[in-house]
Amino acid sequence: MWFIYALIHVFLLALVNFTDEHLATNNKLPKKSDIHHKVGSVLLISTLMSFVGATLIALITGQTSLPPQALYLAIFSSVPMVTMYATYFYLLQTYPVHQVAPLFQISSIWLLLIELVFGGSISMFGLAGIAVLMYGAYILDAGTFKWKIPTKLLMIAIPATSTWAIALFIVRKASELGSPIAITFWQMVTIGTIGIGLFLLTKKYREGFLYRIKHQGKLFLGLSLANETFAQAGYVFSNLSVAIAPVAAFVTAMSGVQSLFVMALFLLFPQGKRAKVTKIQMVAVTLIAFGVLLIERR
């Protein structure tokens, strides 16, 4: 049963990526708008919608209480998460989501390195996984099997994915002290609070967000709410699968499959020339997924 829960989890997150492509590109903002207006509109709605997720968690589970140390860790983990969101949306202004999202699997390597610093170990499977994953990431970025200098997509993604790894590591430590669901609740509350701060302090973010609310209100809010629902449901199924899986790493290893689902969605429901999936991209994403599997076998 854990496998089914994990499969539902990665499919729901693939739906989130698919919807993100539409939200990022169909913004209808004025021509004079710059990249910060575009990013701000989706970053603010993503962070502010976290309050919806927190409310649902509180109403459905009632699990909101944490020991002080776990609470502090949950709150702190939200900062690198929002940083990751921002980087992700900035990259989406230039690159399609099926090329951006798979590169965030590089976080598996960062997470492994963090664990090594804290006394972990690595096997030959782990080393092979790193090589396969990074080769797949290179092919996805370069669009060729031949050597060429990586573009800014890969150069930005490599350091940016460390933020997600940091967040995951902090959450793992917090989960040793308190309920994972309560941790998710406080993460969502903190992310929403950061969203309020960004709205108040960042003028261009606020302008882009308010413009889309005014001119794309129903579509913008409807898609964003659907996206948040997919994301929160995905987190629930992730928690369920981790709780009953023989080894928690089995669930993490399946995260590589998410990018394959994203590719499949774009093949079945094309979103235009920018989101066209190529054969070499399919090969690259398959290598990335296999690399993640090897890393988690360490």
C-alpha atoms as a PDB file:
ATOM      1  CA  MET A   1       0.000   0.000   0.000  1.00  0.00           C
ATOM      2  CA  TRP A   2       2.898   2.396   0.714  1.00  0.00           C
ATOM      3  CA  PHE A   3       3.887   2.146  -2.959  1.00  0.00           C
ATOM      4  CA  ILE A   4       0.413   3.295  -4.070  1.00  0.00           C
ATOM      5  CA  TYR A   5       0.491   6.218  -1.610  1.00  0.00           C
ATOM      6  CA  ALA A   6       3.965   7.222  -2.835  1.00  0.00           C
ATOM      7  CA  LEU A   7       2.834   6.958  -6.459  1.00  0.00           C
ATOM      8  CA  ILE A   8      -0.140   9.237  -5.766  1.00  0.00           C
ATOM      9  CA  HIS A   9       2.209  11.667  -4.000  1.00  0.00           C
ATOM     10  CA  VAL A  10       4.586  12.051  -6.962  1.00  0.00           C
ATOM     11  CA  PHE A  11       1.722  12.269  -9.470  1.00  0.00           C
ATOM     12  CA  LEU A  12       0.057  15.083  -7.514  1.00  0.00           C
ATOM     13  CA  LEU A  13       3.326  17.019  -7.375  1.00  0.00           C
ATOM     14  CA  ALA A  14       3.707  16.476 -11.122  1.00  0.00           C
ATOM     15  CA  LEU A  15       0.293  18.128 -11.531  1.00  0.00           C
ATOM     16  CA  VAL A  16       1.627  21.052  -9.482  1.00  0.00           C
ATOM     17  CA  ASN A  17       4.592  21.434 -11.862  1.00  0.00           C
ATOM     18  CA  PHE A  18       2.279  21.194 -14.880  1.00  0.00           C
ATOM     19  CA  THR A  19       0.030  23.952 -13.506  1.00  0.00           C
ATOM     20  CA  ASP A  20       3.047  26.079 -12.568  1.00  0.00           C
ATOM     21  CA  GLU A  21       3.989  26.269 -16.262  1.00  0.00           C
ATOM     22  CA  HIS A  22       0.624  27.801 -17.081  1.00  0.00           C
ATOM     23  CA  LEU A  23       0.688  30.194 -14.116  1.00  0.00           C
ATOM     24  CA  ALA A  24       4.214  31.360 -14.937  1.00  0.00           C
ATOM     25  CA  THR A  25       3.729  31.979 -18.658  1.00  0.00           C
ATOM     26  CA  ASN A  26       0.090  33.078 -19.029  1.00  0.00           C
ATOM     27  CA  ASN A  27       0.409  36.133 -16.815  1.00  0.00           C
ATOM     28  CA  LYS A  28      -1.239  38.838 -19.027  1.00  0.00           C
ATOM     29  CA  LEU A  29       0.922  41.476 -17.349  1.00  0.00           C
ATOM     30  CA  PRO A  30       1.616  44.806 -19.141  1.00  0.00           C
ATOM     31  CA  LYS A  31       4.538  44.820 -21.593  1.00  0.00           C
ATOM     32  CA  LYS A  32       6.459  47.238 -19.370  1.00  0.00           C
ATOM     33  CA  SER A  33       6.479  44.668 -16.554  1.00  0.00           C
ATOM     34  CA  ASP A  34       9.850  43.169 -15.687  1.00  0.00           C
ATOM     35  CA  ILE A  35      10.789  39.734 -14.407  1.00  0.00           C
ATOM     36  CA  HIS A  36      10.160  40.728 -10.777  1.00  0.00           C
ATOM     37  CA  HIS A  37       6.526  41.579 -11.520  1.00  0.00           C
ATOM     38  CA  LYS A  38       6.111  38.178 -13.190  1.00  0.00           C
ATOM     39  CA  VAL A  39       7.851  36.197 -10.456  1.00  0.00           C
ATOM     40  CA  GLY A  40       6.231  38.178  -7.656  1.00  0.00           C
ATOM     41  CA  SER A  41       2.732  37.366  -8.831  1.00  0.00           C
ATOM     42  CA  VAL A  42       3.230  33.588  -8.643  1.00  0.00           C
ATOM     43  CA  LEU A  43       5.574  33.636  -5.641  1.00  0.00           C
ATOM     44  CA  LEU A  44       3.106  35.643  -3.551  1.00  0.00           C
ATOM     45  CA  ILE A  45       0.106  33.505  -4.453  1.00  0.00           C
ATOM     46  CA  SER A  46       2.121  30.338  -3.703  1.00  0.00           C
ATOM     47  CA  THR A  47       3.241  31.558  -0.302  1.00  0.00           C
ATOM     48  CA  LEU A  48      -0.078  33.115   0.719  1.00  0.00           C
ATOM     49  CA  MET A  49      -2.004  29.990  -0.316  1.00  0.00           C
ATOM     50  CA  SER A  50       0.014  28.136   2.326  1.00  0.00           C
ATOM     51  CA  PHE A  51      -2.468  29.496   4.862  1.00  0.00           C
ATOM     52  CA  VAL A  52      -5.117  27.392   3.090  1.00  0.00           C
ATOM     53  CA  GLY A  53      -2.960  24.303   3.502  1.00  0.00           C
ATOM     54  CA  ALA A  54      -2.301  25.074   7.165  1.00  0.00           C
ATOM     55  CA  THR A  55      -6.017  25.554   7.808  1.00  0.00           C
ATOM     56  CA  LEU A  56      -6.881  22.232   6.152  1.00  0.00           C
ATOM     57  CA  ILE A  57      -4.223  20.402   8.167  1.00  0.00           C
ATOM     58  CA  ALA A  58      -5.521  21.912  11.414  1.00  0.00           C
ATOM     59  CA  LEU A  59      -9.171  21.111  10.618  1.00  0.00           C
ATOM     60  CA  ILE A  60      -8.628  17.593   9.270  1.00  0.00           C
ATOM     61  CA  THR A  61      -5.905  16.288  11.590  1.00  0.00           C
ATOM     62  CA  GLY A  62      -5.909  18.640  14.580  1.00  0.00           C
ATOM     63  CA  GLN A  63      -2.140  18.034  14.842  1.00  0.00           C
ATOM     64  CA  THR A  64      -0.577  21.434  15.454  1.00  0.00           C
ATOM     65  CA  SER A  65       1.305  20.991  18.735  1.00  0.00           C
ATOM     66  CA  LEU A  66       5.091  20.607  18.772  1.00  0.00           C
ATOM     67  CA  PRO A  67       7.859  20.649  21.396  1.00  0.00           C
ATOM     68  CA  PRO A  68       9.763  23.985  21.322  1.00  0.00           C
ATOM     69  CA  GLN A  69      12.857  22.663  19.536  1.00  0.00           C
ATOM     70  CA  ALA A  70      10.818  20.927  16.821  1.00  0.00           C
ATOM     71  CA  LEU A  71       8.748  24.096  16.403  1.00  0.00           C
ATOM     72  CA  TYR A  72      11.858  26.243  15.916  1.00  0.00           C
ATOM     73  CA  LEU A  73      13.237  23.780  13.359  1.00  0.00           C
ATOM     74  CA  ALA A  74       9.916  23.716  11.462  1.00  0.00           C
ATOM     75  CA  ILE A  75       9.839  27.517  11.316  1.00  0.00           C
ATOM     76  CA  PHE A  76      13.486  27.777  10.286  1.00  0.00           C
ATOM     77  CA  SER A  77      13.057  25.176   7.513  1.00  0.00           C
ATOM     78  CA  SER A  78      10.508  27.442   5.828  1.00  0.00           C
ATOM     79  CA  VAL A  79      13.154  30.048   4.950  1.00  0.00           C
ATOM     80  CA  PRO A  80      15.152  27.839   2.539  1.00  0.00           C
ATOM     81  CA  MET A  81      11.855  26.510   1.176  1.00  0.00           C
ATOM     82  CA  VAL A  82      10.698  29.991   0.151  1.00  0.00           C
ATOM     83  CA  THR A  83      14.166  30.664  -1.274  1.00  0.00           C
ATOM     84  CA  MET A  84      13.768  27.531  -3.374  1.00  0.00           C
ATOM     85  CA  TYR A  85      10.309  28.648  -4.523  1.00  0.00           C
ATOM     86  CA  ALA A  86      11.720  32.013  -5.648  1.00  0.00           C
ATOM     87  CA  THR A  87      14.593  30.444  -7.602  1.00  0.00           C
ATOM     88  CA  TYR A  88      12.207  27.967  -9.216  1.00  0.00           C
ATOM     89  CA  PHE A  89       9.843  30.715 -10.400  1.00  0.00           C
ATOM     90  CA  TYR A  90      12.698  32.895 -11.664  1.00  0.00           C
ATOM     91  CA  LEU A  91      13.989  29.986 -13.753  1.00  0.00           C
ATOM     92  CA  LEU A  92      10.495  29.367 -15.118  1.00  0.00           C
ATOM     93  CA  GLN A  93      10.550  32.810 -16.726  1.00  0.00           C
ATOM     94  CA  THR A  94      13.260  31.538 -19.097  1.00  0.00           C
ATOM     95  CA  TYR A  95      12.946  27.751 -19.155  1.00  0.00           C
ATOM     96  CA  PRO A  96       9.944  25.361 -19.325  1.00  0.00           C
ATOM     97  CA  VAL A  97       8.998  23.541 -16.143  1.00  0.00           C
ATOM     98  CA  HIS A  98       9.768  20.086 -17.556  1.00  0.00           C
ATOM     99  CA  GLN A  99      13.368  21.273 -17.938  1.00  0.00           C
ATOM    100  CA  VAL A 100      13.558  23.084 -14.583  1.00  0.00           C
ATOM    101  CA  ALA A 101      11.741  20.731 -12.171  1.00  0.00           C
ATOM    102  CA  PRO A 102      13.885  17.613 -12.831  1.00  0.00           C
ATOM    103  CA  LEU A 103      17.048  19.541 -11.961  1.00  0.00           C
ATOM    104  CA  PHE A 104      15.762  19.993  -8.421  1.00  0.00           C
ATOM    105  CA  GLN A 105      16.503  16.288  -7.957  1.00  0.00           C
ATOM    106  CA  ILE A 106      20.108  17.467  -7.532  1.00  0.00           C
ATOM    107  CA  SER A 107      18.948  18.185  -3.981  1.00  0.00           C
ATOM    108  CA  SER A 108      19.447  14.435  -3.359  1.00  0.00           C
ATOM    109  CA  ILE A 109      23.182  14.971  -3.797  1.00  0.00           C
ATOM    110  CA  TRP A 110      23.226  17.989  -1.490  1.00  0.00           C
ATOM    111  CA  LEU A 111      21.244  16.048   1.116  1.00  0.00           C
ATOM    112  CA  LEU A 112      23.744  13.209   0.913  1.00  0.00           C
ATOM    113  CA  LEU A 113      26.645  15.642   1.368  1.00  0.00           C
ATOM    114  CA  ILE A 114      24.974  17.217   4.395  1.00  0.00           C
ATOM    115  CA  GLU A 115      24.469  13.780   5.929  1.00  0.00           C
ATOM    116  CA  LEU A 116      28.137  12.937   5.278  1.00  0.00           C
ATOM    117  CA  VAL A 117      29.154  16.058   7.210  1.00  0.00           C
ATOM    118  CA  PHE A 118      27.060  14.806  10.143  1.00  0.00           C
ATOM    119  CA  GLY A 119      28.624  11.343  10.149  1.00  0.00           C
ATOM    120  CA  GLY A 120      26.810   9.564   7.332  1.00  0.00           C
ATOM    121  CA  SER A 121      28.406   7.265   4.769  1.00  0.00           C
ATOM    122  CA  ILE A 122      28.221   6.634   1.043  1.00  0.00           C
ATOM    123  CA  SER A 123      28.394   3.408  -0.941  1.00  0.00           C
ATOM    124  CA  MET A 124      29.404   2.663  -4.522  1.00  0.00           C
ATOM    125  CA  PHE A 125      25.696   2.838  -5.386  1.00  0.00           C
ATOM    126  CA  GLY A 126      25.601   6.384  -4.038  1.00  0.00           C
ATOM    127  CA  LEU A 127      28.671   7.454  -6.016  1.00  0.00           C
ATOM    128  CA  ALA A 128      27.273   5.887  -9.181  1.00  0.00           C
ATOM    129  CA  GLY A 129      23.956   7.627  -8.545  1.00  0.00           C
ATOM    130  CA  ILE A 130      25.660  11.017  -8.281  1.00  0.00           C
ATOM    131  CA  ALA A 131      27.441  10.444 -11.605  1.00  0.00           C
ATOM    132  CA  VAL A 132      24.279   9.267 -13.401  1.00  0.00           C
ATOM    133  CA  LEU A 133      22.119  12.065 -11.960  1.00  0.00           C
ATOM    134  CA  MET A 134      24.592  14.819 -12.878  1.00  0.00           C
ATOM    135  CA  TYR A 135      25.076  13.416 -16.382  1.00  0.00           C
ATOM    136  CA  GLY A 136      21.304  13.403 -16.849  1.00  0.00           C
ATOM    137  CA  ALA A 137      21.143  16.978 -15.532  1.00  0.00           C
ATOM    138  CA  TYR A 138      23.871  18.026 -17.977  1.00  0.00           C
ATOM    139  CA  ILE A 139      22.049  16.453 -20.946  1.00  0.00           C
ATOM    140  CA  LEU A 140      18.773  18.089 -19.904  1.00  0.00           C
ATOM    141  CA  ASP A 141      20.514  21.469 -19.772  1.00  0.00           C
ATOM    142  CA  ALA A 142      22.704  21.112 -22.878  1.00  0.00           C
ATOM    143  CA  GLY A 143      20.221  19.275 -25.108  1.00  0.00           C
ATOM    144  CA  THR A 144      23.048  17.135 -26.474  1.00  0.00           C
ATOM    145  CA  PHE A 145      25.273  14.198 -25.504  1.00  0.00           C
ATOM    146  CA  LYS A 146      28.324  16.140 -26.670  1.00  0.00           C
ATOM    147  CA  TRP A 147      30.313  18.355 -24.339  1.00  0.00           C
ATOM    148  CA  LYS A 148      29.438  22.038 -24.185  1.00  0.00           C
ATOM    149  CA  ILE A 149      29.601  24.668 -21.475  1.00  0.00           C
ATOM    150  CA  PRO A 150      26.464  24.366 -19.295  1.00  0.00           C
ATOM    151  CA  THR A 151      23.963  27.203 -19.517  1.00  0.00           C
ATOM    152  CA  LYS A 152      22.869  29.347 -16.606  1.00  0.00           C
ATOM    153  CA  LEU A 153      19.995  26.910 -15.991  1.00  0.00           C
ATOM    154  CA  LEU A 154      22.325  24.247 -14.617  1.00  0.00           C
ATOM    155  CA  MET A 155      24.730  26.770 -13.097  1.00  0.00           C
ATOM    156  CA  ILE A 156      21.872  28.312 -11.082  1.00  0.00           C
ATOM    157  CA  ALA A 157      20.120  25.014 -10.320  1.00  0.00           C
ATOM    158  CA  ILE A 158      23.174  23.377  -8.710  1.00  0.00           C
ATOM    159  CA  PRO A 159      23.533  25.890  -5.832  1.00  0.00           C
ATOM    160  CA  ALA A 160      19.790  26.629  -5.695  1.00  0.00           C
ATOM    161  CA  THR A 161      18.857  23.006  -5.029  1.00  0.00           C
ATOM    162  CA  SER A 162      20.895  23.114  -1.829  1.00  0.00           C
ATOM    163  CA  THR A 163      18.047  25.135  -0.295  1.00  0.00           C
ATOM    164  CA  TRP A 164      15.609  22.238  -0.712  1.00  0.00           C
ATOM    165  CA  ALA A 165      18.163  19.799   0.716  1.00  0.00           C
ATOM    166  CA  ILE A 166      18.683  22.032   3.748  1.00  0.00           C
ATOM    167  CA  ALA A 167      14.931  22.212   4.302  1.00  0.00           C
ATOM    168  CA  LEU A 168      14.575  18.418   4.036  1.00  0.00           C
ATOM    169  CA  PHE A 169      17.443  17.820   6.455  1.00  0.00           C
ATOM    170  CA  ILE A 170      15.965  20.214   9.009  1.00  0.00           C
ATOM    171  CA  VAL A 171      12.563  18.553   8.668  1.00  0.00           C
ATOM    172  CA  ARG A 172      14.110  15.120   9.229  1.00  0.00           C
ATOM    173  CA  LYS A 173      15.692  16.372  12.452  1.00  0.00           C
ATOM    174  CA  ALA A 174      12.437  18.005  13.532  1.00  0.00           C
ATOM    175  CA  SER A 175      10.527  14.759  12.810  1.00  0.00           C
ATOM    176  CA  GLU A 176      12.669  13.000  15.401  1.00  0.00           C
ATOM    177  CA  LEU A 177      11.147  15.336  17.996  1.00  0.00           C
ATOM    178  CA  GLY A 178       7.542  15.819  16.876  1.00  0.00           C
ATOM    179  CA  SER A 179       4.723  14.947  14.486  1.00  0.00           C
ATOM    180  CA  PRO A 180       5.572  15.365  10.763  1.00  0.00           C
ATOM    181  CA  ILE A 181       2.040  16.641  10.153  1.00  0.00           C
ATOM    182  CA  ALA A 182       2.382  19.305  12.862  1.00  0.00           C
ATOM    183  CA  ILE A 183       5.744  20.255  11.363  1.00  0.00           C
ATOM    184  CA  THR A 184       4.072  20.694   7.966  1.00  0.00           C
ATOM    185  CA  PHE A 185       1.396  22.854   9.612  1.00  0.00           C
ATOM    186  CA  TRP A 186       3.950  25.263  11.074  1.00  0.00           C
ATOM    187  CA  GLN A 187       5.923  25.290   7.843  1.00  0.00           C
ATOM    188  CA  MET A 188       2.787  26.376   5.997  1.00  0.00           C
ATOM    189  CA  VAL A 189       2.014  29.065   8.583  1.00  0.00           C
ATOM    190  CA  THR A 190       5.563  30.421   8.363  1.00  0.00           C
ATOM    191  CA  ILE A 191       5.622  30.347   4.549  1.00  0.00           C
ATOM    192  CA  GLY A 192       2.347  32.268   4.498  1.00  0.00           C
ATOM    193  CA  THR A 193       3.762  34.786   6.967  1.00  0.00           C
ATOM    194  CA  ILE A 194       6.826  35.261   4.762  1.00  0.00           C
ATOM    195  CA  GLY A 195       4.411  35.824   1.875  1.00  0.00           C
ATOM    196  CA  ILE A 196       2.739  38.657   3.817  1.00  0.00           C
ATOM    197  CA  GLY A 197       6.158  40.180   4.450  1.00  0.00           C
ATOM    198  CA  LEU A 198       7.067  39.977   0.755  1.00  0.00           C
ATOM    199  CA  PHE A 199       3.730  41.582  -0.168  1.00  0.00           C
ATOM    200  CA  LEU A 200       4.303  44.503   2.192  1.00  0.00           C
ATOM    201  CA  LEU A 201       8.003  45.059   1.523  1.00  0.00           C
ATOM    202  CA  THR A 202       8.512  44.218  -2.173  1.00  0.00           C
ATOM    203  CA  LYS A 203       6.759  46.747  -4.420  1.00  0.00           C
ATOM    204  CA  LYS A 204       7.168  44.957  -7.754  1.00  0.00           C
ATOM    205  CA  TYR A 205       5.982  41.643  -6.290  1.00  0.00           C
ATOM    206  CA  ARG A 206       2.918  43.409  -4.904  1.00  0.00           C
ATOM    207  CA  GLU A 207       2.181  45.200  -8.177  1.00  0.00           C
ATOM    208  CA  GLY A 208       2.395  42.018 -10.235  1.00  0.00           C
ATOM    209  CA  PHE A 209       0.248  40.111  -7.763  1.00  0.00           C
ATOM    210  CA  LEU A 210      -2.476  42.771  -7.562  1.00  0.00           C
ATOM    211  CA  TYR A 211      -2.550  43.205 -11.346  1.00  0.00           C
ATOM    212  CA  ARG A 212      -3.184  39.495 -11.869  1.00  0.00           C
ATOM    213  CA  ILE A 213      -5.827  39.453  -9.156  1.00  0.00           C
ATOM    214  CA  LYS A 214      -7.587  42.347 -10.902  1.00  0.00           C
ATOM    215  CA  HIS A 215      -7.306  41.126 -14.503  1.00  0.00           C
ATOM    216  CA  GLN A 216      -7.168  37.328 -14.096  1.00  0.00           C
ATOM    217  CA  GLY A 217      -8.960  36.969 -10.797  1.00  0.00           C
ATOM    218  CA  LYS A 218     -11.047  33.813 -11.199  1.00  0.00           C
ATOM    219  CA  LEU A 219      -8.577  31.917 -13.388  1.00  0.00           C
ATOM    220  CA  PHE A 220      -5.519  32.972 -11.382  1.00  0.00           C
ATOM    221  CA  LEU A 221      -7.050  32.253  -7.979  1.00  0.00           C
ATOM    222  CA  GLY A 222      -8.765  29.068  -9.186  1.00  0.00           C
ATOM    223  CA  LEU A 223      -5.597  27.536 -10.615  1.00  0.00           C
ATOM    224  CA  SER A 224      -3.576  28.609  -7.582  1.00  0.00           C
ATOM    225  CA  LEU A 225      -6.109  27.060  -5.203  1.00  0.00           C
ATOM    226  CA  ALA A 226      -6.133  23.838  -7.242  1.00  0.00           C
ATOM    227  CA  ASN A 227      -2.334  23.819  -7.171  1.00  0.00           C
ATOM    228  CA  GLU A 228      -2.269  24.235  -3.396  1.00  0.00           C
ATOM    229  CA  THR A 229      -4.821  21.436  -3.044  1.00  0.00           C
ATOM    230  CA  PHE A 230      -2.665  19.127  -5.183  1.00  0.00           C
ATOM    231  CA  ALA A 231       0.441  20.062  -3.191  1.00  0.00           C
ATOM    232  CA  GLN A 232      -1.129  19.572   0.241  1.00  0.00           C
ATOM    233  CA  ALA A 233      -2.777  16.289  -0.756  1.00  0.00           C
ATOM    234  CA  GLY A 234       0.603  15.175  -2.078  1.00  0.00           C
ATOM    235  CA  TYR A 235       2.244  15.949   1.281  1.00  0.00           C
ATOM    236  CA  VAL A 236      -0.447  13.937   3.076  1.00  0.00           C
ATOM    237  CA  PHE A 237       0.125  10.894   0.868  1.00  0.00           C
ATOM    238  CA  SER A 238       3.872  11.325   1.339  1.00  0.00           C
ATOM    239  CA  ASN A 239       3.447  11.202   5.127  1.00  0.00           C
ATOM    240  CA  LEU A 240       1.232   8.132   4.831  1.00  0.00           C
ATOM    241  CA  SER A 241       3.708   6.293   2.627  1.00  0.00           C
ATOM    242  CA  VAL A 242       6.678   7.149   4.865  1.00  0.00           C
ATOM    243  CA  ALA A 243       4.733   5.913   7.898  1.00  0.00           C
ATOM    244  CA  ILE A 244       4.136   2.392   6.499  1.00  0.00           C
ATOM    245  CA  ALA A 245       7.027   1.852   4.058  1.00  0.00           C
ATOM    246  CA  PRO A 246       9.624  -0.776   5.102  1.00  0.00           C
ATOM    247  CA  VAL A 247      12.343   1.852   4.643  1.00  0.00           C
ATOM    248  CA  ALA A 248      11.647   5.582   4.347  1.00  0.00           C
ATOM    249  CA  ALA A 249      14.316   5.908   1.641  1.00  0.00           C
ATOM    250  CA  PHE A 250      12.076   3.872  -0.675  1.00  0.00           C
ATOM    251  CA  VAL A 251       9.633   6.775  -0.724  1.00  0.00           C
ATOM    252  CA  THR A 252      12.362   9.365  -1.311  1.00  0.00           C
ATOM    253  CA  ALA A 253      13.740   7.296  -4.193  1.00  0.00           C
ATOM    254  CA  MET A 254      10.387   7.496  -5.959  1.00  0.00           C
ATOM    255  CA  SER A 255      10.669  11.289  -6.164  1.00  0.00           C
ATOM    256  CA  GLY A 256      12.672  10.817  -9.349  1.00  0.00           C
ATOM    257  CA  VAL A 257       9.557   9.375 -10.994  1.00  0.00           C
ATOM    258  CA  GLN A 258       7.833  12.747 -10.574  1.00  0.00           C
ATOM    259  CA  SER A 259       9.732  14.237 -13.516  1.00  0.00           C
ATOM    260  CA  LEU A 260       8.650  11.348 -15.726  1.00  0.00           C
ATOM    261  CA  PHE A 261       5.031  12.118 -14.826  1.00  0.00           C
ATOM    262  CA  VAL A 262       5.624  15.786 -15.711  1.00  0.00           C
ATOM    263  CA  MET A 263       6.976  14.773 -19.123  1.00  0.00           C
ATOM    264  CA  ALA A 264       3.987  12.485 -19.695  1.00  0.00           C
ATOM    265  CA  LEU A 265       1.541  15.288 -18.857  1.00  0.00           C
ATOM    266  CA  PHE A 266       3.154  17.616 -21.406  1.00  0.00           C
ATOM    267  CA  LEU A 267       3.070  14.875 -24.040  1.00  0.00           C
ATOM    268  CA  LEU A 268      -0.643  14.242 -23.390  1.00  0.00           C
ATOM    269  CA  PHE A 269      -1.636  17.889 -22.880  1.00  0.00           C
ATOM    270  CA  PRO A 270       0.774  20.156 -24.807  1.00  0.00           C
ATOM    271  CA  GLN A 271       1.054  23.769 -23.621  1.00  0.00           C
ATOM    272  CA  GLY A 272       2.699  25.236 -26.698  1.00  0.00           C
ATOM    273  CA  LYS A 273       6.091  25.276 -28.389  1.00  0.00           C
ATOM    274  CA  ARG A 274       8.020  26.234 -25.249  1.00  0.00           C
ATOM    275  CA  ALA A 275       6.785  23.146 -23.375  1.00  0.00           C
ATOM    276  CA  LYS A 276       7.434  20.686 -26.214  1.00  0.00           C
ATOM    277  CA  VAL A 277       9.134  17.527 -24.930  1.00  0.00           C
ATOM    278  CA  THR A 278      12.075  16.157 -26.933  1.00  0.00           C
ATOM    279  CA  LYS A 279      13.509  12.651 -27.008  1.00  0.00           C
ATOM    280  CA  ILE A 280      16.807  13.769 -25.498  1.00  0.00           C
ATOM    281  CA  GLN A 281      14.927  15.379 -22.617  1.00  0.00           C
ATOM    282  CA  MET A 282      13.140  12.088 -21.972  1.00  0.00           C
ATOM    283  CA  VAL A 283      16.490  10.293 -21.862  1.00  0.00           C
ATOM    284  CA  ALA A 284      17.897  12.935 -19.510  1.00  0.00           C
ATOM    285  CA  VAL A 285      14.956  12.745 -17.093  1.00  0.00           C
ATOM    286  CA  THR A 286      15.128   8.938 -17.082  1.00  0.00           C
ATOM    287  CA  LEU A 287      18.821   9.137 -16.138  1.00  0.00           C
ATOM    288  CA  ILE A 288      18.024  11.638 -13.380  1.00  0.00           C
ATOM    289  CA  ALA A 289      15.315   9.354 -11.969  1.00  0.00           C
ATOM    290  CA  PHE A 290      17.683   6.353 -12.071  1.00  0.00           C
ATOM    291  CA  GLY A 291      20.427   8.403 -10.402  1.00  0.00           C
ATOM    292  CA  VAL A 292      18.105   9.332  -7.530  1.00  0.00           C
ATOM    293  CA  LEU A 293      17.199   5.650  -7.122  1.00  0.00           C
ATOM    294  CA  LEU A 294      20.876   4.677  -6.874  1.00  0.00           C
ATOM    295  CA  ILE A 295      21.632   7.462  -4.380  1.00  0.00           C
ATOM    296  CA  GLU A 296      18.804   6.349  -2.110  1.00  0.00           C
ATOM    297  CA  ARG A 297      20.111   2.749  -2.226  1.00  0.00           C
ATOM    298  CA  ARG A 298      23.288   3.902  -0.481  1.00  0.00           C
END
